[in-house]
Structure formats: structure tokens, C-alpha cells
Amino acid sequence: MDYKIQLTPKKILNKEFKVDFKGYNSAEVDYFLDTILADYENFAKIIEFANKELEELENENKKLKEEIAQLSRDKSVAEESVQNLEEQLSPQVDILKRLSLLEKAVFGNRSAE
């Protein structure tokens, strides 16, 4: 996409036409050019606003991508920590289960007496 703007508000304002015997009414031409000039100035403001908004959105997008990357790293660390805790607790859970079975075996027989 190669967009080339040929006219600027200044070029429109400074444009001079040759006067011919059967020429156009200069007041109508001036009025029309003033209208074009006003539109070009508005277009320039719209483009400037859009470019600023685009820049702000690109910056926000960059920050959000960085935040997502950080959250992904944090999630990986958290998952690794959970896995390590599970590995550490697994033998202790087995011991507690064995103790529970032993208590049932020992105390379960006494309550029947």
C-alpha cells in the first residue's frame, strides 16, 4: 500500500489560477478551495488523532504481552512448586494411611472387648 498525499492545506491555500477571458468566478473557486482546505485540515487532525491512539494501543498491547509472558512464567513456577510439594507430601500421606490402618487394627479390636 503506497498512499501518497499530493495536496497539503498549505498547497491548497497558496494555489493560484490563471485568469482567462472565459474563466471561472473567482469567488466560487475561492469558496470551494476554502472548503477543501478545511476538509484537509480536518483530515490532518483525524489522522494525527488516529496515529496517537494507534501508538497508545500498541504500547498497551506491548505491556499486556509482557504481562502475559510474566504470568506464564509465574504459572510455570507455581506448577513446579505444587509438583514438588506433592512429591514431598506423598511419603507422609502413605505413612498417615499406614498409621490409620494400624490404629484401626489395634483400637478396633479393643473396642470389641
N, C-alpha and C. Protein backbone atom coordinates (compact mmCIF):
# COMPACT_ATOMS: atom_id res chain seq x y z
N MET A 1 0.84 -1.18 0.00
CA MET A 1 0.00 0.00 0.00
C MET A 1 0.88 1.24 0.00
N ASP A 2 0.81 1.95 -1.08
CA ASP A 2 1.59 3.18 -1.18
C ASP A 2 0.62 4.34 -1.32
N TYR A 3 0.31 4.94 -0.19
CA TYR A 3 -0.59 6.08 -0.19
C TYR A 3 0.25 7.35 -0.23
N LYS A 4 0.02 8.14 -1.26
CA LYS A 4 0.77 9.38 -1.37
C LYS A 4 -0.22 10.53 -1.44
N ILE A 5 -0.10 11.43 -0.51
CA ILE A 5 -0.96 12.60 -0.47
C ILE A 5 -0.27 13.71 -1.26
N GLN A 6 -0.91 14.17 -2.29
CA GLN A 6 -0.30 15.17 -3.16
C GLN A 6 -0.59 16.60 -2.69
N LEU A 7 -1.72 16.80 -2.06
CA LEU A 7 -2.09 18.14 -1.63
C LEU A 7 -1.96 18.28 -0.13
N THR A 8 -1.52 19.46 0.27
CA THR A 8 -1.49 19.80 1.69
C THR A 8 -2.34 21.05 1.86
N PRO A 9 -2.77 21.32 3.08
CA PRO A 9 -3.54 22.55 3.28
C PRO A 9 -2.81 23.79 2.77
N LYS A 10 -1.50 23.82 2.94
CA LYS A 10 -0.72 24.97 2.50
C LYS A 10 -0.72 25.09 0.97
N LYS A 11 -0.56 23.94 0.27
CA LYS A 11 -0.58 23.97 -1.19
C LYS A 11 -1.93 24.44 -1.71
N ILE A 12 -2.98 23.99 -1.07
CA ILE A 12 -4.32 24.39 -1.49
C ILE A 12 -4.51 25.88 -1.27
N LEU A 13 -4.07 26.35 -0.11
CA LEU A 13 -4.23 27.76 0.23
C LEU A 13 -3.46 28.66 -0.73
N ASN A 14 -2.28 28.25 -1.13
CA ASN A 14 -1.41 29.07 -1.96
C ASN A 14 -1.60 28.87 -3.46
N LYS A 15 -2.49 27.99 -3.85
CA LYS A 15 -2.71 27.73 -5.27
C LYS A 15 -3.30 28.96 -5.96
N GLU A 16 -2.69 29.31 -7.08
CA GLU A 16 -3.18 30.43 -7.88
C GLU A 16 -3.55 29.92 -9.26
N PHE A 17 -4.64 30.42 -9.77
CA PHE A 17 -5.11 30.03 -11.09
C PHE A 17 -4.91 31.19 -12.06
N LYS A 18 -4.66 30.84 -13.30
CA LYS A 18 -4.53 31.86 -14.33
C LYS A 18 -5.92 32.38 -14.67
N VAL A 19 -6.02 33.65 -14.85
CA VAL A 19 -7.30 34.26 -15.19
C VAL A 19 -7.42 34.25 -16.71
N ASP A 20 -8.53 33.75 -17.16
CA ASP A 20 -8.79 33.66 -18.58
C ASP A 20 -10.03 34.48 -18.89
N PHE A 21 -10.20 34.84 -20.14
CA PHE A 21 -11.35 35.65 -20.52
C PHE A 21 -12.66 34.94 -20.17
N LYS A 22 -12.70 33.64 -20.41
CA LYS A 22 -13.91 32.87 -20.10
C LYS A 22 -13.65 32.02 -18.85
N GLY A 23 -13.02 32.56 -17.86
CA GLY A 23 -12.66 31.81 -16.66
C GLY A 23 -13.82 31.64 -15.69
N TYR A 24 -13.49 30.96 -14.61
CA TYR A 24 -14.48 30.71 -13.56
C TYR A 24 -14.63 31.93 -12.66
N ASN A 25 -15.72 31.98 -11.95
CA ASN A 25 -15.94 33.04 -10.98
C ASN A 25 -14.95 32.82 -9.83
N SER A 26 -14.09 33.79 -9.62
CA SER A 26 -13.03 33.63 -8.63
C SER A 26 -13.58 33.47 -7.22
N ALA A 27 -14.71 34.09 -6.90
CA ALA A 27 -15.31 33.95 -5.56
C ALA A 27 -15.78 32.51 -5.34
N GLU A 28 -16.36 31.89 -6.35
CA GLU A 28 -16.79 30.49 -6.23
C GLU A 28 -15.60 29.56 -6.07
N VAL A 29 -14.56 29.81 -6.85
CA VAL A 29 -13.35 28.99 -6.76
C VAL A 29 -12.73 29.14 -5.37
N ASP A 30 -12.64 30.37 -4.88
CA ASP A 30 -12.08 30.61 -3.55
C ASP A 30 -12.90 29.90 -2.47
N TYR A 31 -14.22 30.01 -2.58
CA TYR A 31 -15.09 29.35 -1.59
C TYR A 31 -14.88 27.84 -1.62
N PHE A 32 -14.83 27.28 -2.83
CA PHE A 32 -14.63 25.83 -2.96
C PHE A 32 -13.27 25.41 -2.40
N LEU A 33 -12.24 26.18 -2.71
CA LEU A 33 -10.91 25.86 -2.19
C LEU A 33 -10.85 26.00 -0.68
N ASP A 34 -11.57 26.98 -0.14
CA ASP A 34 -11.63 27.12 1.33
C ASP A 34 -12.28 25.89 1.96
N THR A 35 -13.31 25.37 1.30
CA THR A 35 -13.97 24.16 1.79
C THR A 35 -13.01 22.97 1.75
N ILE A 36 -12.29 22.85 0.64
CA ILE A 36 -11.30 21.77 0.52
C ILE A 36 -10.23 21.92 1.59
N LEU A 37 -9.76 23.13 1.78
CA LEU A 37 -8.74 23.40 2.79
C LEU A 37 -9.22 23.00 4.18
N ALA A 38 -10.44 23.35 4.51
CA ALA A 38 -10.99 22.99 5.82
C ALA A 38 -11.07 21.47 5.97
N ASP A 39 -11.48 20.79 4.90
CA ASP A 39 -11.52 19.33 4.96
C ASP A 39 -10.13 18.74 5.16
N TYR A 40 -9.16 19.26 4.45
CA TYR A 40 -7.79 18.74 4.59
C TYR A 40 -7.27 18.98 6.02
N GLU A 41 -7.57 20.12 6.57
CA GLU A 41 -7.15 20.37 7.95
C GLU A 41 -7.82 19.39 8.90
N ASN A 42 -9.11 19.11 8.66
CA ASN A 42 -9.81 18.12 9.49
C ASN A 42 -9.23 16.73 9.29
N PHE A 43 -8.91 16.39 8.04
CA PHE A 43 -8.30 15.09 7.77
C PHE A 43 -6.97 14.97 8.51
N ALA A 44 -6.19 16.03 8.49
CA ALA A 44 -4.90 16.01 9.18
C ALA A 44 -5.09 15.80 10.68
N LYS A 45 -6.09 16.45 11.27
CA LYS A 45 -6.38 16.27 12.70
C LYS A 45 -6.84 14.84 12.99
N ILE A 46 -7.70 14.32 12.12
CA ILE A 46 -8.19 12.95 12.30
C ILE A 46 -7.03 11.96 12.23
N ILE A 47 -6.17 12.15 11.25
CA ILE A 47 -5.01 11.25 11.09
C ILE A 47 -4.09 11.35 12.30
N GLU A 48 -3.84 12.57 12.76
CA GLU A 48 -2.98 12.76 13.94
C GLU A 48 -3.58 12.07 15.16
N PHE A 49 -4.89 12.25 15.35
CA PHE A 49 -5.57 11.61 16.48
C PHE A 49 -5.49 10.09 16.36
N ALA A 50 -5.74 9.58 15.14
CA ALA A 50 -5.70 8.13 14.92
C ALA A 50 -4.30 7.57 15.16
N ASN A 51 -3.28 8.31 14.73
CA ASN A 51 -1.90 7.85 14.94
C ASN A 51 -1.55 7.83 16.43
N LYS A 52 -2.00 8.86 17.16
CA LYS A 52 -1.75 8.87 18.61
C LYS A 52 -2.45 7.71 19.29
N GLU A 53 -3.70 7.48 18.91
CA GLU A 53 -4.46 6.38 19.50
C GLU A 53 -3.82 5.04 19.15
N LEU A 54 -3.37 4.90 17.90
CA LEU A 54 -2.70 3.68 17.48
C LEU A 54 -1.44 3.45 18.30
N GLU A 55 -0.67 4.50 18.51
CA GLU A 55 0.56 4.38 19.31
C GLU A 55 0.24 3.96 20.75
N GLU A 56 -0.80 4.58 21.33
CA GLU A 56 -1.20 4.22 22.69
C GLU A 56 -1.65 2.76 22.76
N LEU A 57 -2.42 2.33 21.77
CA LEU A 57 -2.90 0.95 21.76
C LEU A 57 -1.75 -0.03 21.55
N GLU A 58 -0.79 0.33 20.71
CA GLU A 58 0.37 -0.53 20.51
C GLU A 58 1.19 -0.64 21.79
N ASN A 59 1.34 0.48 22.51
CA ASN A 59 2.06 0.44 23.79
C ASN A 59 1.32 -0.42 24.81
N GLU A 60 0.00 -0.26 24.87
CA GLU A 60 -0.80 -1.07 25.79
C GLU A 60 -0.71 -2.55 25.42
N ASN A 61 -0.76 -2.83 24.13
CA ASN A 61 -0.65 -4.21 23.66
C ASN A 61 0.70 -4.81 24.05
N LYS A 62 1.76 -4.02 23.90
CA LYS A 62 3.10 -4.48 24.28
C LYS A 62 3.16 -4.79 25.77
N LYS A 63 2.59 -3.89 26.59
CA LYS A 63 2.58 -4.11 28.04
C LYS A 63 1.78 -5.36 28.40
N LEU A 64 0.64 -5.55 27.74
CA LEU A 64 -0.18 -6.73 28.03
C LEU A 64 0.53 -8.02 27.62
N LYS A 65 1.25 -7.98 26.50
CA LYS A 65 2.02 -9.16 26.09
C LYS A 65 3.12 -9.47 27.10
N GLU A 66 3.78 -8.42 27.60
CA GLU A 66 4.80 -8.62 28.62
C GLU A 66 4.18 -9.19 29.89
N GLU A 67 3.00 -8.69 30.26
CA GLU A 67 2.30 -9.19 31.45
C GLU A 67 1.91 -10.65 31.27
N ILE A 68 1.44 -11.01 30.08
CA ILE A 68 1.08 -12.40 29.80
C ILE A 68 2.31 -13.30 29.92
N ALA A 69 3.43 -12.83 29.37
CA ALA A 69 4.66 -13.61 29.46
C ALA A 69 5.07 -13.81 30.91
N GLN A 70 4.98 -12.73 31.71
CA GLN A 70 5.34 -12.83 33.14
C GLN A 70 4.39 -13.78 33.86
N LEU A 71 3.10 -13.69 33.57
CA LEU A 71 2.13 -14.58 34.21
C LEU A 71 2.37 -16.03 33.82
N SER A 72 2.77 -16.26 32.58
CA SER A 72 3.08 -17.62 32.14
C SER A 72 4.28 -18.16 32.90
N ARG A 73 5.30 -17.29 33.09
CA ARG A 73 6.47 -17.72 33.86
C ARG A 73 6.07 -18.01 35.31
N ASP A 74 5.25 -17.12 35.89
CA ASP A 74 4.79 -17.32 37.27
C ASP A 74 3.98 -18.61 37.39
N LYS A 75 3.15 -18.88 36.40
CA LYS A 75 2.34 -20.10 36.41
C LYS A 75 3.23 -21.33 36.38
N SER A 76 4.26 -21.29 35.54
CA SER A 76 5.18 -22.43 35.46
C SER A 76 5.88 -22.67 36.80
N VAL A 77 6.30 -21.57 37.42
CA VAL A 77 6.96 -21.68 38.73
C VAL A 77 5.98 -22.25 39.76
N ALA A 78 4.74 -21.77 39.74
CA ALA A 78 3.74 -22.24 40.70
C ALA A 78 3.43 -23.73 40.47
N GLU A 79 3.29 -24.13 39.22
CA GLU A 79 3.03 -25.55 38.93
C GLU A 79 4.19 -26.42 39.39
N GLU A 80 5.39 -25.93 39.19
CA GLU A 80 6.57 -26.68 39.63
C GLU A 80 6.59 -26.79 41.16
N SER A 81 6.22 -25.72 41.84
CA SER A 81 6.17 -25.73 43.31
C SER A 81 5.13 -26.71 43.81
N VAL A 82 3.96 -26.73 43.17
CA VAL A 82 2.89 -27.66 43.56
C VAL A 82 3.36 -29.10 43.35
N GLN A 83 4.01 -29.33 42.22
CA GLN A 83 4.50 -30.69 41.95
C GLN A 83 5.53 -31.11 43.00
N ASN A 84 6.44 -30.20 43.37
CA ASN A 84 7.44 -30.50 44.39
C ASN A 84 6.77 -30.79 45.74
N LEU A 85 5.75 -29.99 46.10
CA LEU A 85 5.04 -30.23 47.36
C LEU A 85 4.34 -31.59 47.35
N GLU A 86 3.72 -31.91 46.23
CA GLU A 86 3.05 -33.21 46.12
C GLU A 86 4.05 -34.36 46.29
N GLU A 87 5.22 -34.20 45.68
CA GLU A 87 6.25 -35.23 45.79
C GLU A 87 6.74 -35.35 47.24
N GLN A 88 6.85 -34.21 47.93
CA GLN A 88 7.31 -34.22 49.32
C GLN A 88 6.24 -34.80 50.25
N LEU A 89 4.98 -34.53 49.96
CA LEU A 89 3.90 -34.98 50.84
C LEU A 89 3.49 -36.42 50.60
N SER A 90 3.79 -36.94 49.43
CA SER A 90 3.36 -38.31 49.10
C SER A 90 3.84 -39.35 50.12
N PRO A 91 5.11 -39.36 50.52
CA PRO A 91 5.54 -40.35 51.53
C PRO A 91 4.84 -40.13 52.88
N GLN A 92 4.59 -38.86 53.23
CA GLN A 92 3.93 -38.57 54.50
C GLN A 92 2.48 -39.06 54.48
N VAL A 93 1.83 -38.93 53.35
CA VAL A 93 0.45 -39.41 53.24
C VAL A 93 0.42 -40.92 53.37
N ASP A 94 1.38 -41.59 52.76
CA ASP A 94 1.46 -43.05 52.89
C ASP A 94 1.65 -43.47 54.35
N ILE A 95 2.50 -42.74 55.07
CA ILE A 95 2.74 -43.05 56.48
C ILE A 95 1.45 -42.85 57.28
N LEU A 96 0.73 -41.75 57.02
CA LEU A 96 -0.52 -41.48 57.73
C LEU A 96 -1.57 -42.57 57.44
N LYS A 97 -1.61 -43.04 56.23
CA LYS A 97 -2.55 -44.12 55.89
C LYS A 97 -2.20 -45.39 56.65
N ARG A 98 -0.91 -45.70 56.71
CA ARG A 98 -0.48 -46.89 57.45
C ARG A 98 -0.82 -46.76 58.93
N LEU A 99 -0.56 -45.56 59.50
CA LEU A 99 -0.88 -45.34 60.91
C LEU A 99 -2.38 -45.51 61.16
N SER A 100 -3.17 -45.00 60.25
CA SER A 100 -4.62 -45.11 60.39
C SER A 100 -5.04 -46.57 60.37
N LEU A 101 -4.48 -47.34 59.47
CA LEU A 101 -4.81 -48.77 59.40
C LEU A 101 -4.37 -49.50 60.67
N LEU A 102 -3.18 -49.13 61.18
CA LEU A 102 -2.70 -49.74 62.41
C LEU A 102 -3.60 -49.38 63.60
N GLU A 103 -4.01 -48.10 63.67
CA GLU A 103 -4.89 -47.69 64.75
C GLU A 103 -6.21 -48.44 64.69
N LYS A 104 -6.74 -48.61 63.50
CA LYS A 104 -7.99 -49.36 63.36
C LYS A 104 -7.80 -50.80 63.79
N ALA A 105 -6.64 -51.34 63.43
CA ALA A 105 -6.38 -52.74 63.79
C ALA A 105 -6.21 -52.87 65.30
N VAL A 106 -5.48 -51.95 65.92
CA VAL A 106 -5.21 -52.04 67.35
C VAL A 106 -6.43 -51.64 68.16
N PHE A 107 -6.97 -50.46 67.92
CA PHE A 107 -8.08 -49.96 68.72
C PHE A 107 -9.40 -50.57 68.32
N GLY A 108 -9.48 -50.99 67.10
CA GLY A 108 -10.73 -51.64 66.65
C GLY A 108 -10.96 -52.93 67.40
N ASN A 109 -9.91 -53.69 67.70
CA ASN A 109 -10.02 -54.94 68.45
C ASN A 109 -10.32 -54.68 69.92
N ARG A 110 -9.85 -53.61 70.51
CA ARG A 110 -10.08 -53.30 71.90
C ARG A 110 -11.52 -52.88 72.15
N SER A 111 -12.13 -52.16 71.19
CA SER A 111 -13.48 -51.70 71.41
C SER A 111 -14.46 -52.86 71.40
N ALA A 112 -14.09 -53.97 70.78
CA ALA A 112 -14.96 -55.15 70.75
C ALA A 112 -14.93 -55.88 72.06
N GLU A 113 -13.88 -55.69 72.88
CA GLU A 113 -13.75 -56.43 74.15
C GLU A 113 -14.67 -55.96 75.18
